[in-house]
Amino acid sequence: MKLTKSQLKKLVKEELGKLSEATPAVIEKDEAGWYINEALEDLEDALKKVKNPENWAEKYTRSLPKLIETIDGLIKVFGRMK
């Protein structure tokens, strides 16, 4: 099946809409705890799957500084959650 440009754009918009529905831009206070716990569980699962970060770092040296900066930012936020 060959897609036209407009059909492809429509599919992309639909998929992006599905993604944005997963985590709303504004979260109500009574739902905030659930959303943060889900996100932290997803992060925990992702960290458990990490194998050989050294190999990744050697391969993607240009991306590494921003990744480390992002991780440092997360650590600061987690420190405020005590």
PDB file of N, CA and C in Angstrom:
ATOM      1  N   MET A   1       0.836  -1.179   0.000  1.00  0.00           N
ATOM      2  CA  MET A   1       0.000   0.000   0.000  1.00  0.00           C
ATOM      3  C   MET A   1       0.882   1.244   0.000  1.00  0.00           C
ATOM      4  N   LYS A   2       0.637   2.102  -0.959  1.00  0.00           N
ATOM      5  CA  LYS A   2       1.419   3.329  -1.061  1.00  0.00           C
ATOM      6  C   LYS A   2       0.630   4.483  -0.452  1.00  0.00           C
ATOM      7  N   LEU A   3       1.290   5.234   0.418  1.00  0.00           N
ATOM      8  CA  LEU A   3       0.644   6.352   1.075  1.00  0.00           C
ATOM      9  C   LEU A   3       1.015   7.659   0.403  1.00  0.00           C
ATOM     10  N   THR A   4       0.025   8.536   0.294  1.00  0.00           N
ATOM     11  CA  THR A   4       0.324   9.882  -0.181  1.00  0.00           C
ATOM     12  C   THR A   4       0.859  10.692   0.980  1.00  0.00           C
ATOM     13  N   LYS A   5       1.412  11.843   0.668  1.00  0.00           N
ATOM     14  CA  LYS A   5       1.956  12.697   1.708  1.00  0.00           C
ATOM     15  C   LYS A   5       0.880  13.118   2.714  1.00  0.00           C
ATOM     16  N   SER A   6      -0.289  13.454   2.213  1.00  0.00           N
ATOM     17  CA  SER A   6      -1.364  13.897   3.108  1.00  0.00           C
ATOM     18  C   SER A   6      -1.860  12.746   3.988  1.00  0.00           C
ATOM     19  N   GLN A   7      -1.902  11.536   3.450  1.00  0.00           N
ATOM     20  CA  GLN A   7      -2.313  10.383   4.254  1.00  0.00           C
ATOM     21  C   GLN A   7      -1.292  10.111   5.357  1.00  0.00           C
ATOM     22  N   LEU A   8      -0.025  10.234   5.025  1.00  0.00           N
ATOM     23  CA  LEU A   8       1.026  10.024   6.006  1.00  0.00           C
ATOM     24  C   LEU A   8       0.946  11.073   7.115  1.00  0.00           C
ATOM     25  N   LYS A   9       0.731  12.341   6.735  1.00  0.00           N
ATOM     26  CA  LYS A   9       0.595  13.398   7.736  1.00  0.00           C
ATOM     27  C   LYS A   9      -0.586  13.120   8.657  1.00  0.00           C
ATOM     28  N   LYS A  10      -1.685  12.647   8.092  1.00  0.00           N
ATOM     29  CA  LYS A  10      -2.873  12.341   8.892  1.00  0.00           C
ATOM     30  C   LYS A  10      -2.573  11.225   9.897  1.00  0.00           C
ATOM     31  N   LEU A  11      -1.878  10.177   9.444  1.00  0.00           N
ATOM     32  CA  LEU A  11      -1.515   9.073  10.337  1.00  0.00           C
ATOM     33  C   LEU A  11      -0.606   9.546  11.466  1.00  0.00           C
ATOM     34  N   VAL A  12       0.355  10.388  11.137  1.00  0.00           N
ATOM     35  CA  VAL A  12       1.283  10.897  12.146  1.00  0.00           C
ATOM     36  C   VAL A  12       0.524  11.730  13.171  1.00  0.00           C
ATOM     37  N   LYS A  13      -0.386  12.590  12.727  1.00  0.00           N
ATOM     38  CA  LYS A  13      -1.168  13.405  13.655  1.00  0.00           C
ATOM     39  C   LYS A  13      -2.017  12.532  14.568  1.00  0.00           C
ATOM     40  N   GLU A  14      -2.601  11.476  14.031  1.00  0.00           N
ATOM     41  CA  GLU A  14      -3.402  10.567  14.844  1.00  0.00           C
ATOM     42  C   GLU A  14      -2.545   9.885  15.904  1.00  0.00           C
ATOM     43  N   GLU A  15      -1.365   9.415  15.508  1.00  0.00           N
ATOM     44  CA  GLU A  15      -0.483   8.749  16.458  1.00  0.00           C
ATOM     45  C   GLU A  15       0.011   9.717  17.524  1.00  0.00           C
ATOM     46  N   LEU A  16       0.344  10.931  17.128  1.00  0.00           N
ATOM     47  CA  LEU A  16       0.787  11.929  18.109  1.00  0.00           C
ATOM     48  C   LEU A  16      -0.346  12.261  19.066  1.00  0.00           C
ATOM     49  N   GLY A  17      -1.555  12.285  18.583  1.00  0.00           N
ATOM     50  CA  GLY A  17      -2.707  12.518  19.441  1.00  0.00           C
ATOM     51  C   GLY A  17      -2.852  11.421  20.468  1.00  0.00           C
ATOM     52  N   LYS A  18      -2.610  10.174  20.063  1.00  0.00           N
ATOM     53  CA  LYS A  18      -2.675   9.054  21.005  1.00  0.00           C
ATOM     54  C   LYS A  18      -1.619   9.189  22.083  1.00  0.00           C
ATOM     55  N   LEU A  19      -0.420   9.621  21.695  1.00  0.00           N
ATOM     56  CA  LEU A  19       0.653   9.786  22.663  1.00  0.00           C
ATOM     57  C   LEU A  19       0.333  10.893  23.654  1.00  0.00           C
ATOM     58  N   SER A  20      -0.204  11.989  23.166  1.00  0.00           N
ATOM     59  CA  SER A  20      -0.495  13.095  24.070  1.00  0.00           C
ATOM     60  C   SER A  20      -1.636  12.760  25.013  1.00  0.00           C
ATOM     61  N   GLU A  21      -2.509  11.832  24.628  1.00  0.00           N
ATOM     62  CA  GLU A  21      -3.584  11.410  25.514  1.00  0.00           C
ATOM     63  C   GLU A  21      -3.048  10.568  26.666  1.00  0.00           C
ATOM     64  N   ALA A  22      -1.916   9.913  26.467  1.00  0.00           N
ATOM     65  CA  ALA A  22      -1.353   9.048  27.499  1.00  0.00           C
ATOM     66  C   ALA A  22      -0.980   9.841  28.741  1.00  0.00           C
ATOM     67  N   THR A  23      -0.381  10.994  28.581  1.00  0.00           N
ATOM     68  CA  THR A  23      -0.048  11.866  29.698  1.00  0.00           C
ATOM     69  C   THR A  23      -0.550  13.267  29.339  1.00  0.00           C
ATOM     70  N   PRO A  24      -1.606  13.706  29.979  1.00  0.00           N
ATOM     71  CA  PRO A  24      -2.163  15.019  29.645  1.00  0.00           C
ATOM     72  C   PRO A  24      -1.213  16.155  30.014  1.00  0.00           C
ATOM     73  N   ALA A  25      -1.373  17.278  29.344  1.00  0.00           N
ATOM     74  CA  ALA A  25      -0.516  18.432  29.606  1.00  0.00           C
ATOM     75  C   ALA A  25      -0.764  18.992  31.004  1.00  0.00           C
ATOM     76  N   VAL A  26      -2.010  18.915  31.459  1.00  0.00           N
ATOM     77  CA  VAL A  26      -2.359  19.375  32.802  1.00  0.00           C
ATOM     78  C   VAL A  26      -2.898  18.178  33.577  1.00  0.00           C
ATOM     79  N   ILE A  27      -2.336  17.940  34.748  1.00  0.00           N
ATOM     80  CA  ILE A  27      -2.741  16.795  35.566  1.00  0.00           C
ATOM     81  C   ILE A  27      -3.428  17.322  36.822  1.00  0.00           C
ATOM     82  N   GLU A  28      -4.581  16.784  37.108  1.00  0.00           N
ATOM     83  CA  GLU A  28      -5.333  17.179  38.296  1.00  0.00           C
ATOM     84  C   GLU A  28      -4.601  16.711  39.559  1.00  0.00           C
ATOM     85  N   LYS A  29      -4.793  17.451  40.653  1.00  0.00           N
ATOM     86  CA  LYS A  29      -4.098  17.122  41.900  1.00  0.00           C
ATOM     87  C   LYS A  29      -4.409  15.718  42.389  1.00  0.00           C
ATOM     88  N   ASP A  30      -5.663  15.292  42.247  1.00  0.00           N
ATOM     89  CA  ASP A  30      -6.027  13.968  42.752  1.00  0.00           C
ATOM     90  C   ASP A  30      -5.464  12.828  41.907  1.00  0.00           C
ATOM     91  N   GLU A  31      -4.995  13.133  40.689  1.00  0.00           N
ATOM     92  CA  GLU A  31      -4.403  12.114  39.824  1.00  0.00           C
ATOM     93  C   GLU A  31      -2.879  12.197  39.792  1.00  0.00           C
ATOM     94  N   ALA A  32      -2.319  13.240  40.369  1.00  0.00           N
ATOM     95  CA  ALA A  32      -0.881  13.494  40.275  1.00  0.00           C
ATOM     96  C   ALA A  32      -0.045  12.356  40.850  1.00  0.00           C
ATOM     97  N   GLY A  33      -0.450  11.831  41.994  1.00  0.00           N
ATOM     98  CA  GLY A  33       0.300  10.740  42.612  1.00  0.00           C
ATOM     99  C   GLY A  33       0.354   9.513  41.734  1.00  0.00           C
ATOM    100  N   TRP A  34      -0.764   9.204  41.109  1.00  0.00           N
ATOM    101  CA  TRP A  34      -0.814   8.029  40.229  1.00  0.00           C
ATOM    102  C   TRP A  34       0.128   8.211  39.045  1.00  0.00           C
ATOM    103  N   TYR A  35       0.098   9.403  38.415  1.00  0.00           N
ATOM    104  CA  TYR A  35       0.941   9.655  37.249  1.00  0.00           C
ATOM    105  C   TYR A  35       2.431   9.587  37.604  1.00  0.00           C
ATOM    106  N   ILE A  36       2.825  10.178  38.731  1.00  0.00           N
ATOM    107  CA  ILE A  36       4.246  10.163  39.091  1.00  0.00           C
ATOM    108  C   ILE A  36       4.706   8.757  39.429  1.00  0.00           C
ATOM    109  N   ASN A  37       3.858   7.978  40.099  1.00  0.00           N
ATOM    110  CA  ASN A  37       4.227   6.599  40.416  1.00  0.00           C
ATOM    111  C   ASN A  37       4.354   5.751  39.156  1.00  0.00           C
ATOM    112  N   GLU A  38       3.460   5.947  38.204  1.00  0.00           N
ATOM    113  CA  GLU A  38       3.556   5.213  36.933  1.00  0.00           C
ATOM    114  C   GLU A  38       4.849   5.566  36.204  1.00  0.00           C
ATOM    115  N   ALA A  39       5.165   6.866  36.163  1.00  0.00           N
ATOM    116  CA  ALA A  39       6.383   7.304  35.478  1.00  0.00           C
ATOM    117  C   ALA A  39       7.627   6.743  36.164  1.00  0.00           C
ATOM    118  N   LEU A  40       7.640   6.742  37.488  1.00  0.00           N
ATOM    119  CA  LEU A  40       8.795   6.211  38.221  1.00  0.00           C
ATOM    120  C   LEU A  40       8.931   4.702  38.037  1.00  0.00           C
ATOM    121  N   GLU A  41       7.806   3.995  37.967  1.00  0.00           N
ATOM    122  CA  GLU A  41       7.864   2.555  37.706  1.00  0.00           C
ATOM    123  C   GLU A  41       8.398   2.280  36.302  1.00  0.00           C
ATOM    124  N   ASP A  42       7.978   3.092  35.325  1.00  0.00           N
ATOM    125  CA  ASP A  42       8.496   2.937  33.962  1.00  0.00           C
ATOM    126  C   ASP A  42       9.998   3.195  33.924  1.00  0.00           C
ATOM    127  N   LEU A  43      10.436   4.219  34.654  1.00  0.00           N
ATOM    128  CA  LEU A  43      11.867   4.523  34.721  1.00  0.00           C
ATOM    129  C   LEU A  43      12.633   3.383  35.367  1.00  0.00           C
ATOM    130  N   GLU A  44      12.092   2.845  36.443  1.00  0.00           N
ATOM    131  CA  GLU A  44      12.732   1.724  37.128  1.00  0.00           C
ATOM    132  C   GLU A  44      12.867   0.514  36.197  1.00  0.00           C
ATOM    133  N   ASP A  45      11.800   0.218  35.461  1.00  0.00           N
ATOM    134  CA  ASP A  45      11.844  -0.898  34.510  1.00  0.00           C
ATOM    135  C   ASP A  45      12.886  -0.658  33.421  1.00  0.00           C
ATOM    136  N   ALA A  46      12.948   0.572  32.932  1.00  0.00           N
ATOM    137  CA  ALA A  46      13.922   0.896  31.882  1.00  0.00           C
ATOM    138  C   ALA A  46      15.344   0.773  32.405  1.00  0.00           C
ATOM    139  N   LEU A  47      15.577   1.212  33.644  1.00  0.00           N
ATOM    140  CA  LEU A  47      16.925   1.121  34.220  1.00  0.00           C
ATOM    141  C   LEU A  47      17.353  -0.328  34.430  1.00  0.00           C
ATOM    142  N   LYS A  48      16.393  -1.187  34.762  1.00  0.00           N
ATOM    143  CA  LYS A  48      16.719  -2.602  34.945  1.00  0.00           C
ATOM    144  C   LYS A  48      17.175  -3.246  33.634  1.00  0.00           C
ATOM    145  N   LYS A  49      16.704  -2.717  32.508  1.00  0.00           N
ATOM    146  CA  LYS A  49      17.031  -3.291  31.207  1.00  0.00           C
ATOM    147  C   LYS A  49      18.355  -2.784  30.643  1.00  0.00           C
ATOM    148  N   VAL A  50      18.957  -1.804  31.306  1.00  0.00           N
ATOM    149  CA  VAL A  50      20.206  -1.222  30.801  1.00  0.00           C
ATOM    150  C   VAL A  50      21.326  -2.251  30.907  1.00  0.00           C
ATOM    151  N   LYS A  51      21.961  -2.509  29.801  1.00  0.00           N
ATOM    152  CA  LYS A  51      23.102  -3.418  29.737  1.00  0.00           C
ATOM    153  C   LYS A  51      24.248  -2.691  29.026  1.00  0.00           C
ATOM    154  N   ASN A  52      25.419  -2.778  29.566  1.00  0.00           N
ATOM    155  CA  ASN A  52      26.630  -2.208  28.967  1.00  0.00           C
ATOM    156  C   ASN A  52      26.497  -0.731  28.587  1.00  0.00           C
ATOM    157  N   PRO A  53      26.259   0.141  29.556  1.00  0.00           N
ATOM    158  CA  PRO A  53      26.163   1.563  29.220  1.00  0.00           C
ATOM    159  C   PRO A  53      27.484   2.119  28.675  1.00  0.00           C
ATOM    160  N   GLU A  54      28.578   1.470  29.023  1.00  0.00           N
ATOM    161  CA  GLU A  54      29.880   1.927  28.519  1.00  0.00           C
ATOM    162  C   GLU A  54      29.942   1.830  26.998  1.00  0.00           C
ATOM    163  N   ASN A  55      29.411   0.743  26.447  1.00  0.00           N
ATOM    164  CA  ASN A  55      29.413   0.587  24.990  1.00  0.00           C
ATOM    165  C   ASN A  55      28.574   1.674  24.332  1.00  0.00           C
ATOM    166  N   TRP A  56      27.408   1.969  24.924  1.00  0.00           N
ATOM    167  CA  TRP A  56      26.549   3.014  24.372  1.00  0.00           C
ATOM    168  C   TRP A  56      27.282   4.349  24.412  1.00  0.00           C
ATOM    169  N   ALA A  57      27.926   4.641  25.538  1.00  0.00           N
ATOM    170  CA  ALA A  57      28.627   5.913  25.701  1.00  0.00           C
ATOM    171  C   ALA A  57      29.744   6.068  24.676  1.00  0.00           C
ATOM    172  N   GLU A  58      30.454   4.989  24.404  1.00  0.00           N
ATOM    173  CA  GLU A  58      31.533   5.041  23.409  1.00  0.00           C
ATOM    174  C   GLU A  58      30.979   5.258  22.007  1.00  0.00           C
ATOM    175  N   LYS A  59      29.820   4.718  21.734  1.00  0.00           N
ATOM    176  CA  LYS A  59      29.221   4.834  20.403  1.00  0.00           C
ATOM    177  C   LYS A  59      28.570   6.194  20.189  1.00  0.00           C
ATOM    178  N   TYR A  60      27.958   6.749  21.234  1.00  0.00           N
ATOM    179  CA  TYR A  60      27.205   7.997  21.118  1.00  0.00           C
ATOM    180  C   TYR A  60      27.828   9.105  21.960  1.00  0.00           C
ATOM    181  N   THR A  61      29.078   9.395  21.720  1.00  0.00           N
ATOM    182  CA  THR A  61      29.800  10.383  22.527  1.00  0.00           C
ATOM    183  C   THR A  61      29.198  11.782  22.405  1.00  0.00           C
ATOM    184  N   ARG A  62      28.600  12.104  21.268  1.00  0.00           N
ATOM    185  CA  ARG A  62      28.024  13.441  21.106  1.00  0.00           C
ATOM    186  C   ARG A  62      26.748  13.604  21.925  1.00  0.00           C
ATOM    187  N   SER A  63      26.025  12.528  22.178  1.00  0.00           N
ATOM    188  CA  SER A  63      24.783  12.590  22.954  1.00  0.00           C
ATOM    189  C   SER A  63      25.018  12.499  24.452  1.00  0.00           C
ATOM    190  N   LEU A  64      26.168  12.025  24.839  1.00  0.00           N
ATOM    191  CA  LEU A  64      26.452  11.750  26.245  1.00  0.00           C
ATOM    192  C   LEU A  64      26.366  12.968  27.158  1.00  0.00           C
ATOM    193  N   PRO A  65      26.934  14.123  26.799  1.00  0.00           N
ATOM    194  CA  PRO A  65      26.856  15.265  27.719  1.00  0.00           C
ATOM    195  C   PRO A  65      25.413  15.677  28.043  1.00  0.00           C
ATOM    196  N   LYS A  66      24.542  15.701  27.067  1.00  0.00           N
ATOM    197  CA  LYS A  66      23.143  16.078  27.310  1.00  0.00           C
ATOM    198  C   LYS A  66      22.442  15.018  28.152  1.00  0.00           C
ATOM    199  N   LEU A  67      22.740  13.753  27.920  1.00  0.00           N
ATOM    200  CA  LEU A  67      22.149  12.686  28.720  1.00  0.00           C
ATOM    201  C   LEU A  67      22.566  12.824  30.183  1.00  0.00           C
ATOM    202  N   ILE A  68      23.836  13.074  30.416  1.00  0.00           N
ATOM    203  CA  ILE A  68      24.324  13.244  31.789  1.00  0.00           C
ATOM    204  C   ILE A  68      23.684  14.465  32.436  1.00  0.00           C
ATOM    205  N   GLU A  69      23.527  15.543  31.674  1.00  0.00           N
ATOM    206  CA  GLU A  69      22.861  16.743  32.188  1.00  0.00           C
ATOM    207  C   GLU A  69      21.410  16.438  32.570  1.00  0.00           C
ATOM    208  N   THR A  70      20.720  15.667  31.753  1.00  0.00           N
ATOM    209  CA  THR A  70      19.337  15.282  32.040  1.00  0.00           C
ATOM    210  C   THR A  70      19.262  14.414  33.288  1.00  0.00           C
ATOM    211  N   ILE A  71      20.173  13.465  33.414  1.00  0.00           N
ATOM    212  CA  ILE A  71      20.202  12.594  34.595  1.00  0.00           C
ATOM    213  C   ILE A  71      20.472  13.417  35.852  1.00  0.00           C
ATOM    214  N   ASP A  72      21.415  14.364  35.771  1.00  0.00           N
ATOM    215  CA  ASP A  72      21.700  15.235  36.920  1.00  0.00           C
ATOM    216  C   ASP A  72      20.461  16.030  37.328  1.00  0.00           C
ATOM    217  N   GLY A  73      19.720  16.520  36.339  1.00  0.00           N
ATOM    218  CA  GLY A  73      18.491  17.251  36.632  1.00  0.00           C
ATOM    219  C   GLY A  73      17.461  16.375  37.328  1.00  0.00           C
ATOM    220  N   LEU A  74      17.333  15.134  36.867  1.00  0.00           N
ATOM    221  CA  LEU A  74      16.403  14.198  37.500  1.00  0.00           C
ATOM    222  C   LEU A  74      16.817  13.902  38.937  1.00  0.00           C
ATOM    223  N   ILE A  75      18.111  13.730  39.164  1.00  0.00           N
ATOM    224  CA  ILE A  75      18.601  13.451  40.516  1.00  0.00           C
ATOM    225  C   ILE A  75      18.266  14.616  41.451  1.00  0.00           C
ATOM    226  N   LYS A  76      18.396  15.854  40.961  1.00  0.00           N
ATOM    227  CA  LYS A  76      18.050  17.011  41.788  1.00  0.00           C
ATOM    228  C   LYS A  76      16.564  17.007  42.142  1.00  0.00           C
ATOM    229  N   VAL A  77      15.703  16.691  41.166  1.00  0.00           N
ATOM    230  CA  VAL A  77      14.267  16.643  41.425  1.00  0.00           C
ATOM    231  C   VAL A  77      13.948  15.533  42.405  1.00  0.00           C
ATOM    232  N   PHE A  78      14.551  14.367  42.228  1.00  0.00           N
ATOM    233  CA  PHE A  78      14.306  13.240  43.136  1.00  0.00           C
ATOM    234  C   PHE A  78      14.764  13.592  44.544  1.00  0.00           C
ATOM    235  N   GLY A  79      15.822  14.374  44.668  1.00  0.00           N
ATOM    236  CA  GLY A  79      16.303  14.802  45.975  1.00  0.00           C
ATOM    237  C   GLY A  79      15.292  15.668  46.715  1.00  0.00           C
ATOM    238  N   ARG A  80      14.462  16.388  45.949  1.00  0.00           N
ATOM    239  CA  ARG A  80      13.434  17.238  46.550  1.00  0.00           C
ATOM    240  C   ARG A  80      12.189  16.444  46.917  1.00  0.00           C
ATOM    241  N   MET A  81      12.122  15.190  46.559  1.00  0.00           N
ATOM    242  CA  MET A  81      10.938  14.363  46.836  1.00  0.00           C
ATOM    243  C   MET A  81      11.028  13.651  48.182  1.00  0.00           C
ATOM    244  N   LYS A  82      12.004  13.967  48.974  1.00  0.00           N
ATOM    245  CA  LYS A  82      12.192  13.297  50.265  1.00  0.00           C
ATOM    246  C   LYS A  82      11.029  13.550  51.196  1.00  0.00           C
TER     247      LYS A  82
END
